[in-house]
C-alpha atoms as a PDB file:
ATOM      1  CA  MET A   1     -61.137 -29.657  54.089  1.00  0.00           C
ATOM      2  CA  LEU A   2     -60.706 -32.081  51.643  1.00  0.00           C
ATOM      3  CA  ASP A   3     -59.028 -34.388  54.775  1.00  0.00           C
ATOM      4  CA  LEU A   4     -62.244 -33.832  56.929  1.00  0.00           C
ATOM      5  CA  ILE A   5     -64.416 -34.626  53.720  1.00  0.00           C
ATOM      6  CA  LYS A   6     -62.599 -37.680  53.223  1.00  0.00           C
ATOM      7  CA  LYS A   7     -62.921 -38.706  56.666  1.00  0.00           C
ATOM      8  CA  SER A   8     -66.637 -38.345  56.693  1.00  0.00           C
ATOM      9  CA  ILE A   9     -66.922 -40.198  53.957  1.00  0.00           C
ATOM     10  CA  TYR A  10     -65.067 -42.985  55.843  1.00  0.00           C
ATOM     11  CA  LEU A  11     -66.922 -42.788  58.884  1.00  0.00           C
ATOM     12  CA  GLY A  12     -70.647 -42.670  56.279  1.00  0.00           C
ATOM     13  CA  LEU A  13     -69.563 -45.696  54.474  1.00  0.00           C
ATOM     14  CA  GLY A  14     -67.802 -48.408  56.693  1.00  0.00           C
ATOM     15  CA  ALA A  15     -64.972 -50.224  55.172  1.00  0.00           C
ATOM     16  CA  ALA A  16     -67.272 -53.936  55.028  1.00  0.00           C
ATOM     17  CA  THR A  17     -69.918 -52.427  53.354  1.00  0.00           C
ATOM     18  CA  ALA A  18     -68.547 -49.871  50.576  1.00  0.00           C
ATOM     19  CA  SER A  19     -67.925 -50.343  46.880  1.00  0.00           C
ATOM     20  CA  LYS A  20     -66.409 -48.117  44.343  1.00  0.00           C
ATOM     21  CA  GLU A  21     -70.150 -47.351  42.961  1.00  0.00           C
ATOM     22  CA  LYS A  22     -71.757 -46.531  45.829  1.00  0.00           C
ATOM     23  CA  ILE A  23     -68.378 -44.293  46.545  1.00  0.00           C
ATOM     24  CA  GLU A  24     -68.538 -42.734  43.435  1.00  0.00           C
ATOM     25  CA  SER A  25     -71.642 -41.986  43.481  1.00  0.00           C
ATOM     26  CA  LEU A  26     -71.534 -39.892  47.405  1.00  0.00           C
ATOM     27  CA  VAL A  27     -68.403 -38.289  46.185  1.00  0.00           C
ATOM     28  CA  ASP A  28     -70.742 -36.953  42.857  1.00  0.00           C
ATOM     29  CA  GLU A  29     -73.157 -35.601  45.735  1.00  0.00           C
ATOM     30  CA  LEU A  30     -70.612 -33.536  47.490  1.00  0.00           C
ATOM     31  CA  ILE A  31     -69.592 -32.388  43.560  1.00  0.00           C
ATOM     32  CA  GLU A  32     -73.167 -31.409  42.991  1.00  0.00           C
ATOM     33  CA  LYS A  33     -72.818 -29.410  46.307  1.00  0.00           C
ATOM     34  CA  GLY A  34     -70.314 -27.884  45.740  1.00  0.00           C
ATOM     35  CA  GLN A  35     -67.644 -29.283  48.743  1.00  0.00           C
ATOM     36  CA  LEU A  36     -65.315 -30.707  45.888  1.00  0.00           C
ATOM     37  CA  THR A  37     -64.454 -30.541  41.586  1.00  0.00           C
ATOM     38  CA  LYS A  38     -64.584 -33.018  39.546  1.00  0.00           C
ATOM     39  CA  ASP A  39     -60.822 -33.237  39.213  1.00  0.00           C
ATOM     40  CA  ASP A  40     -60.786 -34.083  42.522  1.00  0.00           C
ATOM     41  CA  LYS A  41     -63.159 -37.015  42.070  1.00  0.00           C
ATOM     42  CA  PRO A  42     -60.452 -39.707  40.834  1.00  0.00           C
ATOM     43  CA  LYS A  43     -57.865 -39.088  43.783  1.00  0.00           C
ATOM     44  CA  VAL A  44     -60.656 -38.495  46.643  1.00  0.00           C
ATOM     45  CA  VAL A  45     -62.489 -42.505  44.888  1.00  0.00           C
ATOM     46  CA  GLN A  46     -58.483 -44.202  44.772  1.00  0.00           C
ATOM     47  CA  ASP A  47     -57.928 -42.912  47.999  1.00  0.00           C
ATOM     48  CA  ILE A  48     -61.179 -44.010  49.702  1.00  0.00           C
ATOM     49  CA  LEU A  49     -60.704 -47.120  47.832  1.00  0.00           C
ATOM     50  CA  ASP A  50     -56.915 -47.715  49.239  1.00  0.00           C
ATOM     51  CA  LYS A  51     -58.409 -46.578  52.523  1.00  0.00           C
ATOM     52  CA  ILE A  52     -60.806 -49.396  52.832  1.00  0.00           C
ATOM     53  CA  GLU A  53     -58.273 -51.965  51.301  1.00  0.00           C
ATOM     54  CA  LYS A  54     -56.049 -51.039  53.865  1.00  0.00           C
ATOM     55  CA  GLU A  55     -58.744 -51.239  56.836  1.00  0.00           C
ATOM     56  CA  GLU A  56     -59.735 -54.243  55.967  1.00  0.00           C
ATOM     57  CA  LYS A  57     -56.368 -56.357  55.587  1.00  0.00           C
ATOM     58  CA  GLU A  58     -55.551 -55.235  59.384  1.00  0.00           C
ATOM     59  CA  ILE A  59     -59.077 -56.172  60.559  1.00  0.00           C
ATOM     60  CA  LYS A  60     -58.580 -59.652  58.668  1.00  0.00           C
ATOM     61  CA  THR A  61     -55.010 -59.783  59.722  1.00  0.00           C
ATOM     62  CA  LYS A  62     -56.532 -58.889  63.850  1.00  0.00           C
ATOM     63  CA  ILE A  63     -59.244 -62.116  63.040  1.00  0.00           C
ATOM     64  CA  ASN A  64     -56.653 -64.200  62.084  1.00  0.00           C
ATOM     65  CA  ASN A  65     -54.351 -63.455  65.387  1.00  0.00           C
ATOM     66  CA  THR A  66     -57.437 -63.469  67.872  1.00  0.00           C
ATOM     67  CA  VAL A  67     -58.745 -66.819  66.142  1.00  0.00           C
ATOM     68  CA  THR A  68     -55.075 -68.363  66.692  1.00  0.00           C
ATOM     69  CA  GLU A  69     -54.267 -67.230  70.012  1.00  0.00           C
ATOM     70  CA  GLY A  70     -57.816 -68.705  70.894  1.00  0.00           C
ATOM     71  CA  MET A  71     -57.157 -71.783  69.575  1.00  0.00           C
ATOM     72  CA  ASN A  72     -53.741 -71.974  71.028  1.00  0.00           C
ATOM     73  CA  LYS A  73     -55.229 -71.143  74.610  1.00  0.00           C
ATOM     74  CA  LEU A  74     -57.802 -74.027  74.061  1.00  0.00           C
ATOM     75  CA  GLY A  75     -55.612 -76.698  72.434  1.00  0.00           C
ATOM     76  CA  VAL A  76     -56.987 -77.250  69.324  1.00  0.00           C
ATOM     77  CA  VAL A  77     -54.858 -78.531  66.519  1.00  0.00           C
ATOM     78  CA  ALA A  78     -54.174 -76.275  63.612  1.00  0.00           C
ATOM     79  CA  LYS A  79     -55.424 -78.813  60.256  1.00  0.00           C
ATOM     80  CA  SER A  80     -52.286 -78.415  58.904  1.00  0.00           C
ATOM     81  CA  ASP A  81     -50.101 -79.907  62.036  1.00  0.00           C
ATOM     82  CA  TYR A  82     -53.298 -82.686  62.057  1.00  0.00           C
ATOM     83  CA  ASP A  83     -52.595 -83.166  58.441  1.00  0.00           C
ATOM     84  CA  ASN A  84     -48.795 -84.003  59.063  1.00  0.00           C
ATOM     85  CA  LEU A  85     -48.920 -86.108  62.243  1.00  0.00           C
ATOM     86  CA  LEU A  86     -51.560 -87.819  59.951  1.00  0.00           C
ATOM     87  CA  LYS A  87     -48.723 -88.192  57.017  1.00  0.00           C
ATOM     88  CA  ARG A  88     -46.101 -89.359  59.114  1.00  0.00           C
ATOM     89  CA  VAL A  89     -48.377 -92.251  61.330  1.00  0.00           C
ATOM     90  CA  GLU A  90     -49.006 -93.203  57.417  1.00  0.00           C
ATOM     91  CA  GLU A  91     -45.563 -93.580  56.800  1.00  0.00           C
ATOM     92  CA  LEU A  92     -44.371 -95.532  59.784  1.00  0.00           C
ATOM     93  CA  GLU A  93     -47.564 -98.095  59.159  1.00  0.00           C
ATOM     94  CA  LYS A  94     -46.266 -98.312  55.740  1.00  0.00           C
ATOM     95  CA  LYS A  95     -42.856 -99.038  57.237  1.00  0.00           C
ATOM     96  CA  ASN A  96     -43.839-101.091  60.080  1.00  0.00           C
ATOM     97  CA  THR A  97     -45.914-103.672  57.610  1.00  0.00           C
ATOM     98  CA  LYS A  98     -42.816-104.407  55.520  1.00  0.00           C
END
């Protein structure tokens, strides 16, 4: 039963918009309705926060991978690669002016 309640909260909140206060408020409502006990509150709130954090990390990783893949397909040079090349050119210019 507790897992079903947690899943419902996960779906209802949305990882991007959930805040600790919002989660606690929703858990308090479940306590008032008798679906959870006060003793369950800290664990349920922490479980939800952990799940949201995990999902956010997964989403960020997927976005980064997608953007990198798209940049590679388009032939866009990464800023770090550009900076390294610029540094090498500057070093070569210094050598040639001596």
